[in-house]
Protein backbone atom coordinates (compact mmCIF):
# COMPACT_ATOMS: atom_id res chain seq x y z
CA MET A 1 107.68 114.30 102.21
CA ALA A 2 107.17 111.84 99.36
CA LEU A 3 105.49 114.44 97.11
CA ASN A 4 108.64 116.60 97.24
CA THR A 5 110.82 113.58 96.40
CA LEU A 6 108.61 112.81 93.44
CA ASP A 7 108.75 116.42 92.41
CA TYR A 8 112.60 116.14 92.44
CA TYR A 9 112.46 112.99 90.31
CA PHE A 10 110.19 114.47 87.70
CA GLU A 11 111.77 117.91 87.65
CA GLY A 12 115.19 116.27 87.12
CA ALA A 13 113.78 114.36 84.14
CA MET A 14 112.09 117.54 82.89
CA ILE A 15 108.67 115.87 82.94
CA PRO A 16 105.52 117.80 83.92
CA TYR A 17 103.06 115.71 85.94
CA VAL A 18 99.65 116.25 87.44
CA LEU A 19 98.23 115.15 90.78
CA LEU A 20 95.25 112.78 90.39
CA LYS A 21 92.27 111.61 92.39
CA ASP A 22 92.33 112.04 96.19
CA THR A 23 95.82 113.50 96.09
CA ALA A 24 94.63 116.37 93.87
CA LYS A 25 91.53 116.85 95.98
CA ALA A 26 93.58 117.08 99.23
CA ILE A 27 96.06 119.59 97.71
CA LYS A 28 93.13 121.72 96.35
CA GLY A 29 91.59 121.73 99.82
CA VAL A 30 94.92 122.25 101.54
CA GLU A 31 94.40 119.01 103.50
CA ASP A 32 96.92 116.73 105.13
CA LEU A 33 98.22 114.03 102.71
CA ASP A 34 99.13 111.69 105.58
CA LYS A 35 95.47 110.57 105.70
CA LEU A 36 95.69 109.16 102.17
CA GLU A 37 96.38 105.47 101.55
CA ARG A 38 98.66 106.48 98.62
CA LEU A 39 99.56 109.43 96.47
CA GLU A 40 98.49 109.42 92.84
CA ILE A 41 100.09 111.31 89.96
CA GLY A 42 99.84 111.19 86.19
CA VAL A 43 102.33 111.77 83.44
CA ILE A 44 100.99 112.72 80.04
CA GLU A 45 102.52 110.44 77.43
CA LYS A 46 102.93 113.10 74.76
CA ASN A 47 105.24 115.04 77.13
CA LEU A 48 107.75 112.17 77.38
CA SER A 49 110.99 112.30 75.41
CA LYS A 50 113.39 109.38 75.15
CA TYR A 51 115.65 111.11 77.73
CA SER A 52 112.71 111.46 80.15
CA ARG A 53 111.72 107.82 79.79
CA ASN A 54 115.24 106.67 80.43
CA THR A 55 115.62 108.91 83.43
CA LEU A 56 112.39 107.54 84.97
CA ARG A 57 113.55 103.94 84.29
CA ASP A 58 116.83 104.65 86.08
CA ARG A 59 115.18 106.23 89.08
CA LEU A 60 112.02 104.13 89.47
CA GLY A 61 112.71 100.93 87.52
CA GLU A 62 111.89 99.54 84.15
CA ASP A 63 108.10 99.23 84.74
CA TRP A 64 107.60 102.72 86.33
CA ALA A 65 104.27 103.52 84.59
CA ASP A 66 100.82 102.40 85.83
CA LYS A 67 102.39 100.96 88.94
CA GLU A 68 102.59 101.66 92.63
CA HIS A 69 106.02 102.60 94.06
CA THR A 70 107.19 103.20 97.68
CA ILE A 71 109.05 106.51 98.20
CA GLU A 72 110.11 107.58 101.68
CA GLY A 73 107.75 104.88 103.08
CA ILE A 74 104.71 106.29 101.25
CA LYS A 75 102.90 104.51 98.43
CA VAL A 76 102.75 106.43 95.14
CA TYR A 77 100.84 105.33 92.10
CA ILE A 78 102.09 106.77 88.74
CA ARG A 79 99.68 106.67 85.85
CA LEU A 80 100.71 107.12 82.22
CA ILE A 81 97.98 109.19 80.66
CA LYS A 82 97.70 108.22 76.94
CA LYS A 83 94.49 109.99 75.93
CA ARG A 84 94.10 113.74 75.60
CA TYR A 85 91.75 115.47 78.06
CA GLY A 86 90.74 119.12 77.96
CA PHE A 87 91.11 119.48 81.75
CA PHE A 88 94.85 118.58 81.46
CA LYS A 89 95.57 121.23 78.81
CA TYR A 90 95.89 124.28 81.09
CA LEU A 91 96.70 123.01 84.51
CA ASP A 92 96.13 124.88 87.83
CA LYS A 93 99.23 125.33 89.95
CA ILE A 94 98.53 125.00 93.67
CA PRO A 95 101.10 125.98 96.37
CA TYR A 96 101.50 123.36 99.08
CA TRP A 97 104.23 122.97 101.79
CA GLY A 98 106.91 124.97 99.94
CA GLY A 99 106.20 123.50 96.53
CA SER A 100 103.82 124.10 93.65
CA PHE A 101 101.81 121.24 92.22
CA HIS A 102 99.61 120.91 89.14
CA ILE A 103 96.00 119.75 89.22
CA ALA A 104 93.43 119.48 86.45
CA ASN A 105 91.57 122.57 85.30
CA PRO A 106 88.69 122.87 85.59
CA PHE A 107 88.96 120.55 88.63
CA GLU A 108 85.22 119.95 88.93
CA LYS A 109 85.11 118.52 85.35
CA TYR A 110 88.07 116.27 86.06
CA TRP A 111 86.59 115.12 89.40
CA LYS A 112 83.48 113.82 87.69
CA ALA A 113 85.59 111.85 85.12
CA ARG A 114 88.53 110.90 87.31
CA PHE A 115 87.86 107.09 87.07
CA LEU A 116 87.85 107.28 83.29
CA VAL A 117 91.29 108.89 82.90
CA LYS A 118 93.68 106.51 81.06
């Protein structure tokens, strides 16, 4: 599953990430991710060290941020989140297919503002 591969990439680089948009909604509702056109995750810029950035460049390419990648045949969009949002301060951890993934908290507040996140 592409989500588990992404988890491996980010865990190896010691970078916390958050699921975004329809990916987060599907995980919250324990729905099948295969129905999604692509997965979307966010990395909060303030959490990135020089080591983390270099690791992501090595694994995903020079322009890894704000770009769509293909992992295990599944499209994944990785957004670099530059602004600070309250709903990303204390993330919810949701178990899904043997892994645990973070989503915004409170999710309802994020869902209303999901298109404004940058």
